PDB file of N, CA and C in Angstrom:
ATOM      1  N   MET A   1      17.097  -8.021 -15.859  1.00  0.00           N
ATOM      2  CA  MET A   1      15.814  -7.430 -16.056  1.00  0.00           C
ATOM      3  C   MET A   1      15.588  -6.402 -14.949  1.00  0.00           C
ATOM      4  N   PHE A   2      14.901  -5.320 -15.296  1.00  0.00           N
ATOM      5  CA  PHE A   2      14.628  -4.246 -14.347  1.00  0.00           C
ATOM      6  C   PHE A   2      13.131  -4.244 -14.035  1.00  0.00           C
ATOM      7  N   HIS A   3      12.795  -4.145 -12.751  1.00  0.00           N
ATOM      8  CA  HIS A   3      11.402  -4.178 -12.313  1.00  0.00           C
ATOM      9  C   HIS A   3      11.046  -2.875 -11.599  1.00  0.00           C
ATOM     10  N   HIS A   4       9.860  -2.393 -11.866  1.00  0.00           N
ATOM     11  CA  HIS A   4       9.318  -1.197 -11.219  1.00  0.00           C
ATOM     12  C   HIS A   4       7.955  -1.594 -10.657  1.00  0.00           C
ATOM     13  N   ILE A   5       7.821  -1.525  -9.337  1.00  0.00           N
ATOM     14  CA  ILE A   5       6.593  -1.921  -8.658  1.00  0.00           C
ATOM     15  C   ILE A   5       6.107  -0.735  -7.840  1.00  0.00           C
ATOM     16  N   VAL A   6       4.846  -0.391  -8.007  1.00  0.00           N
ATOM     17  CA  VAL A   6       4.253   0.715  -7.266  1.00  0.00           C
ATOM     18  C   VAL A   6       3.045   0.180  -6.511  1.00  0.00           C
ATOM     19  N   LEU A   7       3.085   0.274  -5.190  1.00  0.00           N
ATOM     20  CA  LEU A   7       1.954  -0.103  -4.345  1.00  0.00           C
ATOM     21  C   LEU A   7       1.206   1.167  -3.953  1.00  0.00           C
ATOM     22  N   MET A   8      -0.135   1.099  -4.007  1.00  0.00           N
ATOM     23  CA  MET A   8      -0.936   2.294  -3.765  1.00  0.00           C
ATOM     24  C   MET A   8      -2.109   2.020  -2.846  1.00  0.00           C
ATOM     25  N   ARG A   9      -2.405   3.024  -2.025  1.00  0.00           N
ATOM     26  CA  ARG A   9      -3.685   3.108  -1.325  1.00  0.00           C
ATOM     27  C   ARG A   9      -4.515   4.086  -2.148  1.00  0.00           C
ATOM     28  N   LEU A  10      -5.634   3.624  -2.637  1.00  0.00           N
ATOM     29  CA  LEU A  10      -6.480   4.462  -3.482  1.00  0.00           C
ATOM     30  C   LEU A  10      -7.769   4.803  -2.753  1.00  0.00           C
ATOM     31  N   SER A  11      -8.320   5.969  -3.071  1.00  0.00           N
ATOM     32  CA  SER A  11      -9.603   6.360  -2.476  1.00  0.00           C
ATOM     33  C   SER A  11     -10.504   6.938  -3.562  1.00  0.00           C
ATOM     34  N   GLY A  12     -11.792   6.729  -3.392  1.00  0.00           N
ATOM     35  CA  GLY A  12     -12.771   7.299  -4.311  1.00  0.00           C
ATOM     36  C   GLY A  12     -12.785   6.669  -5.690  1.00  0.00           C
ATOM     37  N   ILE A  13     -12.298   5.445  -5.805  1.00  0.00           N
ATOM     38  CA  ILE A  13     -12.260   4.809  -7.122  1.00  0.00           C
ATOM     39  C   ILE A  13     -13.587   4.106  -7.405  1.00  0.00           C
ATOM     40  N   ASP A  14     -13.919   4.041  -8.698  1.00  0.00           N
ATOM     41  CA  ASP A  14     -15.156   3.399  -9.122  1.00  0.00           C
ATOM     42  C   ASP A  14     -14.914   2.698 -10.453  1.00  0.00           C
ATOM     43  N   ALA A  15     -15.975   2.215 -11.064  1.00  0.00           N
ATOM     44  CA  ALA A  15     -15.845   1.492 -12.332  1.00  0.00           C
ATOM     45  C   ALA A  15     -15.236   2.374 -13.420  1.00  0.00           C
ATOM     46  N   ALA A  16     -15.580   3.651 -13.434  1.00  0.00           N
ATOM     47  CA  ALA A  16     -15.019   4.563 -14.437  1.00  0.00           C
ATOM     48  C   ALA A  16     -13.507   4.696 -14.261  1.00  0.00           C
ATOM     49  N   PHE A  17     -13.053   4.757 -13.024  1.00  0.00           N
ATOM     50  CA  PHE A  17     -11.616   4.808 -12.754  1.00  0.00           C
ATOM     51  C   PHE A  17     -10.939   3.569 -13.319  1.00  0.00           C
ATOM     52  N   HIS A  18     -11.489   2.399 -13.035  1.00  0.00           N
ATOM     53  CA  HIS A  18     -10.881   1.153 -13.510  1.00  0.00           C
ATOM     54  C   HIS A  18     -10.872   1.075 -15.036  1.00  0.00           C
ATOM     55  N   ARG A  19     -11.927   1.550 -15.684  1.00  0.00           N
ATOM     56  CA  ARG A  19     -11.948   1.564 -17.157  1.00  0.00           C
ATOM     57  C   ARG A  19     -10.850   2.464 -17.702  1.00  0.00           C
ATOM     58  N   GLN A  20     -10.680   3.643 -17.099  1.00  0.00           N
ATOM     59  CA  GLN A  20      -9.663   4.572 -17.593  1.00  0.00           C
ATOM     60  C   GLN A  20      -8.262   4.020 -17.368  1.00  0.00           C
ATOM     61  N   VAL A  21      -8.008   3.441 -16.209  1.00  0.00           N
ATOM     62  CA  VAL A  21      -6.689   2.860 -15.945  1.00  0.00           C
ATOM     63  C   VAL A  21      -6.434   1.694 -16.896  1.00  0.00           C
ATOM     64  N   ALA A  22      -7.437   0.871 -17.155  1.00  0.00           N
ATOM     65  CA  ALA A  22      -7.276  -0.232 -18.113  1.00  0.00           C
ATOM     66  C   ALA A  22      -6.916   0.302 -19.496  1.00  0.00           C
ATOM     67  N   ALA A  23      -7.490   1.427 -19.880  1.00  0.00           N
ATOM     68  CA  ALA A  23      -7.152   2.036 -21.170  1.00  0.00           C
ATOM     69  C   ALA A  23      -5.701   2.507 -21.181  1.00  0.00           C
ATOM     70  N   TYR A  24      -5.234   3.089 -20.090  1.00  0.00           N
ATOM     71  CA  TYR A  24      -3.824   3.492 -20.013  1.00  0.00           C
ATOM     72  C   TYR A  24      -2.899   2.280 -20.069  1.00  0.00           C
ATOM     73  N   VAL A  25      -3.246   1.220 -19.363  1.00  0.00           N
ATOM     74  CA  VAL A  25      -2.427   0.002 -19.389  1.00  0.00           C
ATOM     75  C   VAL A  25      -2.337  -0.529 -20.818  1.00  0.00           C
ATOM     76  N   ALA A  26      -3.453  -0.552 -21.525  1.00  0.00           N
ATOM     77  CA  ALA A  26      -3.453  -1.014 -22.915  1.00  0.00           C
ATOM     78  C   ALA A  26      -2.566  -0.129 -23.784  1.00  0.00           C
ATOM     79  N   ARG A  27      -2.612   1.174 -23.559  1.00  0.00           N
ATOM     80  CA  ARG A  27      -1.758   2.090 -24.324  1.00  0.00           C
ATOM     81  C   ARG A  27      -0.287   1.852 -24.036  1.00  0.00           C
ATOM     82  N   VAL A  28       0.072   1.668 -22.763  1.00  0.00           N
ATOM     83  CA  VAL A  28       1.475   1.390 -22.424  1.00  0.00           C
ATOM     84  C   VAL A  28       1.943   0.163 -23.191  1.00  0.00           C
ATOM     85  N   ARG A  29       1.149  -0.892 -23.153  1.00  0.00           N
ATOM     86  CA  ARG A  29       1.521  -2.137 -23.835  1.00  0.00           C
ATOM     87  C   ARG A  29       1.627  -1.949 -25.346  1.00  0.00           C
ATOM     88  N   ALA A  30       0.744  -1.142 -25.927  1.00  0.00           N
ATOM     89  CA  ALA A  30       0.719  -0.949 -27.380  1.00  0.00           C
ATOM     90  C   ALA A  30       1.761   0.049 -27.873  1.00  0.00           C
ATOM     91  N   GLU A  31       2.012   1.097 -27.095  1.00  0.00           N
ATOM     92  CA  GLU A  31       2.842   2.207 -27.564  1.00  0.00           C
ATOM     93  C   GLU A  31       4.307   2.107 -27.169  1.00  0.00           C
ATOM     94  N   LEU A  32       4.622   1.315 -26.149  1.00  0.00           N
ATOM     95  CA  LEU A  32       5.988   1.285 -25.627  1.00  0.00           C
ATOM     96  C   LEU A  32       6.569  -0.122 -25.772  1.00  0.00           C
ATOM     97  N   PRO A  33       7.191  -0.421 -26.907  1.00  0.00           N
ATOM     98  CA  PRO A  33       7.675  -1.779 -27.158  1.00  0.00           C
ATOM     99  C   PRO A  33       8.789  -2.225 -26.213  1.00  0.00           C
ATOM    100  N   TYR A  34       9.414  -1.304 -25.536  1.00  0.00           N
ATOM    101  CA  TYR A  34      10.506  -1.640 -24.616  1.00  0.00           C
ATOM    102  C   TYR A  34       9.992  -2.026 -23.225  1.00  0.00           C
ATOM    103  N   VAL A  35       8.690  -1.988 -23.014  1.00  0.00           N
ATOM    104  CA  VAL A  35       8.097  -2.460 -21.764  1.00  0.00           C
ATOM    105  C   VAL A  35       7.817  -3.954 -21.920  1.00  0.00           C
ATOM    106  N   ARG A  36       8.466  -4.768 -21.106  1.00  0.00           N
ATOM    107  CA  ARG A  36       8.304  -6.233 -21.197  1.00  0.00           C
ATOM    108  C   ARG A  36       6.961  -6.698 -20.677  1.00  0.00           C
ATOM    109  N   SER A  37       6.579  -6.211 -19.519  1.00  0.00           N
ATOM    110  CA  SER A  37       5.273  -6.563 -18.955  1.00  0.00           C
ATOM    111  C   SER A  37       4.752  -5.372 -18.160  1.00  0.00           C
ATOM    112  N   TYR A  38       3.419  -5.272 -18.099  1.00  0.00           N
ATOM    113  CA  TYR A  38       2.811  -4.118 -17.445  1.00  0.00           C
ATOM    114  C   TYR A  38       1.405  -4.499 -17.006  1.00  0.00           C
ATOM    115  N   ALA A  39       1.091  -4.285 -15.736  1.00  0.00           N
ATOM    116  CA  ALA A  39      -0.236  -4.631 -15.228  1.00  0.00           C
ATOM    117  C   ALA A  39      -0.608  -3.746 -14.051  1.00  0.00           C
ATOM    118  N   PHE A  40      -1.894  -3.474 -13.928  1.00  0.00           N
ATOM    119  CA  PHE A  40      -2.487  -2.826 -12.760  1.00  0.00           C
ATOM    120  C   PHE A  40      -3.347  -3.887 -12.101  1.00  0.00           C
ATOM    121  N   VAL A  41      -2.998  -4.267 -10.877  1.00  0.00           N
ATOM    122  CA  VAL A  41      -3.626  -5.431 -10.248  1.00  0.00           C
ATOM    123  C   VAL A  41      -3.944  -5.161  -8.777  1.00  0.00           C
ATOM    124  N   PRO A  42      -4.937  -5.887  -8.238  1.00  0.00           N
ATOM    125  CA  PRO A  42      -5.162  -5.802  -6.795  1.00  0.00           C
ATOM    126  C   PRO A  42      -4.046  -6.529  -6.054  1.00  0.00           C
ATOM    127  N   ASN A  43      -3.657  -5.981  -4.920  1.00  0.00           N
ATOM    128  CA  ASN A  43      -2.658  -6.614  -4.060  1.00  0.00           C
ATOM    129  C   ASN A  43      -3.380  -7.645  -3.202  1.00  0.00           C
ATOM    130  N   ARG A  44      -3.037  -8.895  -3.367  1.00  0.00           N
ATOM    131  CA  ARG A  44      -3.721  -9.974  -2.648  1.00  0.00           C
ATOM    132  C   ARG A  44      -3.049 -10.322  -1.317  1.00  0.00           C
ATOM    133  N   ALA A  45      -1.966  -9.657  -0.981  1.00  0.00           N
ATOM    134  CA  ALA A  45      -1.256  -9.961   0.268  1.00  0.00           C
ATOM    135  C   ALA A  45      -2.088  -9.533   1.473  1.00  0.00           C
ATOM    136  N   ASP A  46      -2.196 -10.405   2.458  1.00  0.00           N
ATOM    137  CA  ASP A  46      -2.915 -10.030   3.677  1.00  0.00           C
ATOM    138  C   ASP A  46      -2.063  -9.132   4.573  1.00  0.00           C
ATOM    139  N   ARG A  47      -0.826  -8.912   4.201  1.00  0.00           N
ATOM    140  CA  ARG A  47       0.089  -8.033   4.939  1.00  0.00           C
ATOM    141  C   ARG A  47       0.291  -6.702   4.210  1.00  0.00           C
ATOM    142  N   GLY A  48      -0.604  -6.347   3.303  1.00  0.00           N
ATOM    143  CA  GLY A  48      -0.444  -5.177   2.446  1.00  0.00           C
ATOM    144  C   GLY A  48      -0.628  -3.837   3.122  1.00  0.00           C
ATOM    145  N   GLU A  49      -1.090  -3.831   4.369  1.00  0.00           N
ATOM    146  CA  GLU A  49      -1.251  -2.608   5.162  1.00  0.00           C
ATOM    147  C   GLU A  49      -2.023  -1.516   4.425  1.00  0.00           C
ATOM    148  N   GLY A  50      -3.056  -1.925   3.696  1.00  0.00           N
ATOM    149  CA  GLY A  50      -3.894  -0.950   3.006  1.00  0.00           C
ATOM    150  C   GLY A  50      -3.423  -0.581   1.616  1.00  0.00           C
ATOM    151  N   TYR A  51      -2.261  -1.048   1.229  1.00  0.00           N
ATOM    152  CA  TYR A  51      -1.794  -0.824  -0.140  1.00  0.00           C
ATOM    153  C   TYR A  51      -2.460  -1.894  -1.004  1.00  0.00           C
ATOM    154  N   ASP A  52      -3.655  -1.577  -1.468  1.00  0.00           N
ATOM    155  CA  ASP A  52      -4.529  -2.571  -2.088  1.00  0.00           C
ATOM    156  C   ASP A  52      -4.352  -2.729  -3.593  1.00  0.00           C
ATOM    157  N   TRP A  53      -3.618  -1.848  -4.236  1.00  0.00           N
ATOM    158  CA  TRP A  53      -3.446  -1.889  -5.691  1.00  0.00           C
ATOM    159  C   TRP A  53      -1.980  -1.732  -6.041  1.00  0.00           C
ATOM    160  N   ALA A  54      -1.596  -2.293  -7.190  1.00  0.00           N
ATOM    161  CA  ALA A  54      -0.196  -2.226  -7.614  1.00  0.00           C
ATOM    162  C   ALA A  54      -0.090  -2.088  -9.125  1.00  0.00           C
ATOM    163  N   VAL A  55       0.932  -1.377  -9.543  1.00  0.00           N
ATOM    164  CA  VAL A  55       1.385  -1.411 -10.931  1.00  0.00           C
ATOM    165  C   VAL A  55       2.649  -2.258 -10.921  1.00  0.00           C
ATOM    166  N   LEU A  56       2.632  -3.334 -11.695  1.00  0.00           N
ATOM    167  CA  LEU A  56       3.785  -4.228 -11.826  1.00  0.00           C
ATOM    168  C   LEU A  56       4.322  -4.077 -13.234  1.00  0.00           C
ATOM    169  N   SER A  57       5.599  -3.728 -13.346  1.00  0.00           N
ATOM    170  CA  SER A  57       6.172  -3.567 -14.680  1.00  0.00           C
ATOM    171  C   SER A  57       7.597  -4.086 -14.722  1.00  0.00           C
ATOM    172  N   SER A  58       7.966  -4.582 -15.890  1.00  0.00           N
ATOM    173  CA  SER A  58       9.316  -5.113 -16.104  1.00  0.00           C
ATOM    174  C   SER A  58       9.859  -4.587 -17.419  1.00  0.00           C
ATOM    175  N   PHE A  59      11.171  -4.397 -17.430  1.00  0.00           N
ATOM    176  CA  PHE A  59      11.873  -3.832 -18.579  1.00  0.00           C
ATOM    177  C   PHE A  59      13.158  -4.620 -18.796  1.00  0.00           C
ATOM    178  N   HIS A  60      13.653  -4.607 -20.008  1.00  0.00           N
ATOM    179  CA  HIS A  60      14.931  -5.281 -20.261  1.00  0.00           C
ATOM    180  C   HIS A  60      16.062  -4.599 -19.496  1.00  0.00           C
ATOM    181  N   THR A  61      16.031  -3.261 -19.444  1.00  0.00           N
ATOM    182  CA  THR A  61      17.115  -2.503 -18.818  1.00  0.00           C
ATOM    183  C   THR A  61      16.554  -1.339 -17.998  1.00  0.00           C
ATOM    184  N   GLU A  62      17.386  -0.802 -17.134  1.00  0.00           N
ATOM    185  CA  GLU A  62      17.000   0.389 -16.380  1.00  0.00           C
ATOM    186  C   GLU A  62      16.769   1.571 -17.317  1.00  0.00           C
ATOM    187  N   GLU A  63      17.525   1.635 -18.394  1.00  0.00           N
ATOM    188  CA  GLU A  63      17.344   2.707 -19.376  1.00  0.00           C
ATOM    189  C   GLU A  63      15.952   2.633 -20.011  1.00  0.00           C
ATOM    190  N   ASP A  64      15.467   1.417 -20.273  1.00  0.00           N
ATOM    191  CA  ASP A  64      14.106   1.268 -20.796  1.00  0.00           C
ATOM    192  C   ASP A  64      13.086   1.773 -19.779  1.00  0.00           C
ATOM    193  N   HIS A  65      13.328   1.508 -18.506  1.00  0.00           N
ATOM    194  CA  HIS A  65      12.450   2.033 -17.454  1.00  0.00           C
ATOM    195  C   HIS A  65      12.459   3.558 -17.469  1.00  0.00           C
ATOM    196  N   ASP A  66      13.629   4.141 -17.624  1.00  0.00           N
ATOM    197  CA  ASP A  66      13.726   5.600 -17.664  1.00  0.00           C
ATOM    198  C   ASP A  66      12.942   6.168 -18.850  1.00  0.00           C
ATOM    199  N   ARG A  67      12.987   5.488 -19.990  1.00  0.00           N
ATOM    200  CA  ARG A  67      12.211   5.913 -21.168  1.00  0.00           C
ATOM    201  C   ARG A  67      10.716   5.844 -20.864  1.00  0.00           C
ATOM    202  N   TYR A  68      10.300   4.782 -20.213  1.00  0.00           N
ATOM    203  CA  TYR A  68       8.897   4.642 -19.809  1.00  0.00           C
ATOM    204  C   TYR A  68       8.488   5.801 -18.895  1.00  0.00           C
ATOM    205  N   GLN A  69       9.319   6.119 -17.902  1.00  0.00           N
ATOM    206  CA  GLN A  69       9.002   7.202 -16.968  1.00  0.00           C
ATOM    207  C   GLN A  69       8.780   8.525 -17.697  1.00  0.00           C
ATOM    208  N   ALA A  70       9.531   8.748 -18.769  1.00  0.00           N
ATOM    209  CA  ALA A  70       9.443  10.003 -19.514  1.00  0.00           C
ATOM    210  C   ALA A  70       8.364   9.988 -20.596  1.00  0.00           C
ATOM    211  N   SER A  71       7.739   8.851 -20.839  1.00  0.00           N
ATOM    212  CA  SER A  71       6.772   8.727 -21.936  1.00  0.00           C
ATOM    213  C   SER A  71       5.503   9.529 -21.655  1.00  0.00           C
ATOM    214  N   ALA A  72       4.870   9.970 -22.730  1.00  0.00           N
ATOM    215  CA  ALA A  72       3.633  10.739 -22.610  1.00  0.00           C
ATOM    216  C   ALA A  72       2.536   9.925 -21.934  1.00  0.00           C
ATOM    217  N   VAL A  73       2.400   8.661 -22.304  1.00  0.00           N
ATOM    218  CA  VAL A  73       1.323   7.849 -21.731  1.00  0.00           C
ATOM    219  C   VAL A  73       1.523   7.652 -20.227  1.00  0.00           C
ATOM    220  N   HIS A  74       2.756   7.486 -19.779  1.00  0.00           N
ATOM    221  CA  HIS A  74       2.992   7.347 -18.341  1.00  0.00           C
ATOM    222  C   HIS A  74       2.676   8.647 -17.612  1.00  0.00           C
ATOM    223  N   ARG A  75       3.088   9.766 -18.174  1.00  0.00           N
ATOM    224  CA  ARG A  75       2.795  11.058 -17.545  1.00  0.00           C
ATOM    225  C   ARG A  75       1.280  11.294 -17.465  1.00  0.00           C
ATOM    226  N   GLU A  76       0.562  10.932 -18.537  1.00  0.00           N
ATOM    227  CA  GLU A  76      -0.896  11.095 -18.540  1.00  0.00           C
ATOM    228  C   GLU A  76      -1.556  10.204 -17.486  1.00  0.00           C
ATOM    229  N   MET A  77      -1.093   8.962 -17.401  1.00  0.00           N
ATOM    230  CA  MET A  77      -1.656   8.025 -16.424  1.00  0.00           C
ATOM    231  C   MET A  77      -1.421   8.527 -15.000  1.00  0.00           C
ATOM    232  N   LYS A  78      -0.210   8.993 -14.713  1.00  0.00           N
ATOM    233  CA  LYS A  78       0.099   9.524 -13.381  1.00  0.00           C
ATOM    234  C   LYS A  78      -0.792  10.715 -13.047  1.00  0.00           C
ATOM    235  N   ALA A  79      -0.972  11.613 -14.000  1.00  0.00           N
ATOM    236  CA  ALA A  79      -1.794  12.796 -13.760  1.00  0.00           C
ATOM    237  C   ALA A  79      -3.248  12.407 -13.490  1.00  0.00           C
ATOM    238  N   TYR A  80      -3.749  11.424 -14.225  1.00  0.00           N
ATOM    239  CA  TYR A  80      -5.119  10.968 -14.003  1.00  0.00           C
ATOM    240  C   TYR A  80      -5.270  10.325 -12.624  1.00  0.00           C
ATOM    241  N   MET A  81      -4.328   9.473 -12.249  1.00  0.00           N
ATOM    242  CA  MET A  81      -4.441   8.707 -11.012  1.00  0.00           C
ATOM    243  C   MET A  81      -4.135   9.523  -9.754  1.00  0.00           C
ATOM    244  N   ALA A  82      -3.362  10.581  -9.871  1.00  0.00           N
ATOM    245  CA  ALA A  82      -2.880  11.333  -8.706  1.00  0.00           C
ATOM    246  C   ALA A  82      -3.980  11.720  -7.712  1.00  0.00           C
ATOM    247  N   PRO A  83      -5.124  12.237  -8.154  1.00  0.00           N
ATOM    248  CA  PRO A  83      -6.144  12.625  -7.170  1.00  0.00           C
ATOM    249  C   PRO A  83      -6.732  11.452  -6.379  1.00  0.00           C
ATOM    250  N   PHE A  84      -6.558  10.241  -6.869  1.00  0.00           N
ATOM    251  CA  PHE A  84      -7.112   9.055  -6.212  1.00  0.00           C
ATOM    252  C   PHE A  84      -6.105   8.374  -5.280  1.00  0.00           C
ATOM    253  N   ILE A  85      -4.849   8.796  -5.320  1.00  0.00           N
ATOM    254  CA  ILE A  85      -3.794   8.122  -4.562  1.00  0.00           C
ATOM    255  C   ILE A  85      -3.668   8.746  -3.175  1.00  0.00           C
ATOM    256  N   ALA A  86      -4.018   7.957  -2.153  1.00  0.00           N
ATOM    257  CA  ALA A  86      -3.887   8.411  -0.770  1.00  0.00           C
ATOM    258  C   ALA A  86      -2.468   8.197  -0.260  1.00  0.00           C
ATOM    259  N   ALA A  87      -1.813   7.145  -0.735  1.00  0.00           N
ATOM    260  CA  ALA A  87      -0.426   6.841  -0.360  1.00  0.00           C
ATOM    261  C   ALA A  87       0.173   5.960  -1.443  1.00  0.00           C
ATOM    262  N   LEU A  88       1.488   6.040  -1.559  1.00  0.00           N
ATOM    263  CA  LEU A  88       2.187   5.313  -2.617  1.00  0.00           C
ATOM    264  C   LEU A  88       3.580   4.955  -2.137  1.00  0.00           C
ATOM    265  N   ILE A  89       4.022   3.779  -2.516  1.00  0.00           N
ATOM    266  CA  ILE A  89       5.404   3.378  -2.275  1.00  0.00           C
ATOM    267  C   ILE A  89       5.888   2.647  -3.520  1.00  0.00           C
ATOM    268  N   ALA A  90       7.117   2.926  -3.924  1.00  0.00           N
ATOM    269  CA  ALA A  90       7.673   2.323  -5.138  1.00  0.00           C
ATOM    270  C   ALA A  90       8.890   1.483  -4.803  1.00  0.00           C
ATOM    271  N   CYS A  91       9.091   0.466  -5.609  1.00  0.00           N
ATOM    272  CA  CYS A  91      10.275  -0.385  -5.515  1.00  0.00           C
ATOM    273  C   CYS A  91      10.839  -0.554  -6.916  1.00  0.00           C
ATOM    274  N   ASP A  92      12.092  -0.211  -7.096  1.00  0.00           N
ATOM    275  CA  ASP A  92      12.818  -0.460  -8.338  1.00  0.00           C
ATOM    276  C   ASP A  92      13.918  -1.457  -8.021  1.00  0.00           C
ATOM    277  N   ALA A  93      14.006  -2.517  -8.819  1.00  0.00           N
ATOM    278  CA  ALA A  93      14.991  -3.561  -8.547  1.00  0.00           C
ATOM    279  C   ALA A  93      15.443  -4.200  -9.848  1.00  0.00           C
ATOM    280  N   GLU A  94      16.661  -4.696  -9.816  1.00  0.00           N
ATOM    281  CA  GLU A  94      17.206  -5.384 -10.982  1.00  0.00           C
ATOM    282  C   GLU A  94      17.469  -6.838 -10.619  1.00  0.00           C
ATOM    283  N   THR A  95      17.106  -7.734 -11.532  1.00  0.00           N
ATOM    284  CA  THR A  95      17.373  -9.155 -11.355  1.00  0.00           C
ATOM    285  C   THR A  95      18.086  -9.672 -12.596  1.00  0.00           C
ATOM    286  N   ARG A  96      18.735 -10.784 -12.432  1.00  0.00           N
ATOM    287  CA  ARG A  96      19.342 -11.435 -13.592  1.00  0.00           C
ATOM    288  C   ARG A  96      18.255 -12.209 -14.317  1.00  0.00           C
ATOM    289  N   ALA A  97      18.207 -12.037 -15.614  1.00  0.00           N
ATOM    290  CA  ALA A  97      17.159 -12.710 -16.411  1.00  0.00           C
ATOM    291  C   ALA A  97      17.410 -14.195 -16.493  1.00  0.00           C
TER     292      ALA A  97
END
């Protein structure tokens, strides 16, 4: 299984931001059948160093992840979120299912 994790420091977010991101998450789940799991969640780690939000996603294969990266809904979500992202770090990893 392939995992893509994005930790973010966000600024200027409000209820409207969360509603829009929730709509994008729902679209990813509905439109991209090759995405195994997908969530936008608060980072509960006390060692998060200000990276308070995360996108957690899993795919059957790295190729499925690449398809997700190129998808219209992912590009739209990134464009919407970009002005709110103060810092970002990503982790891509593969595990045995």
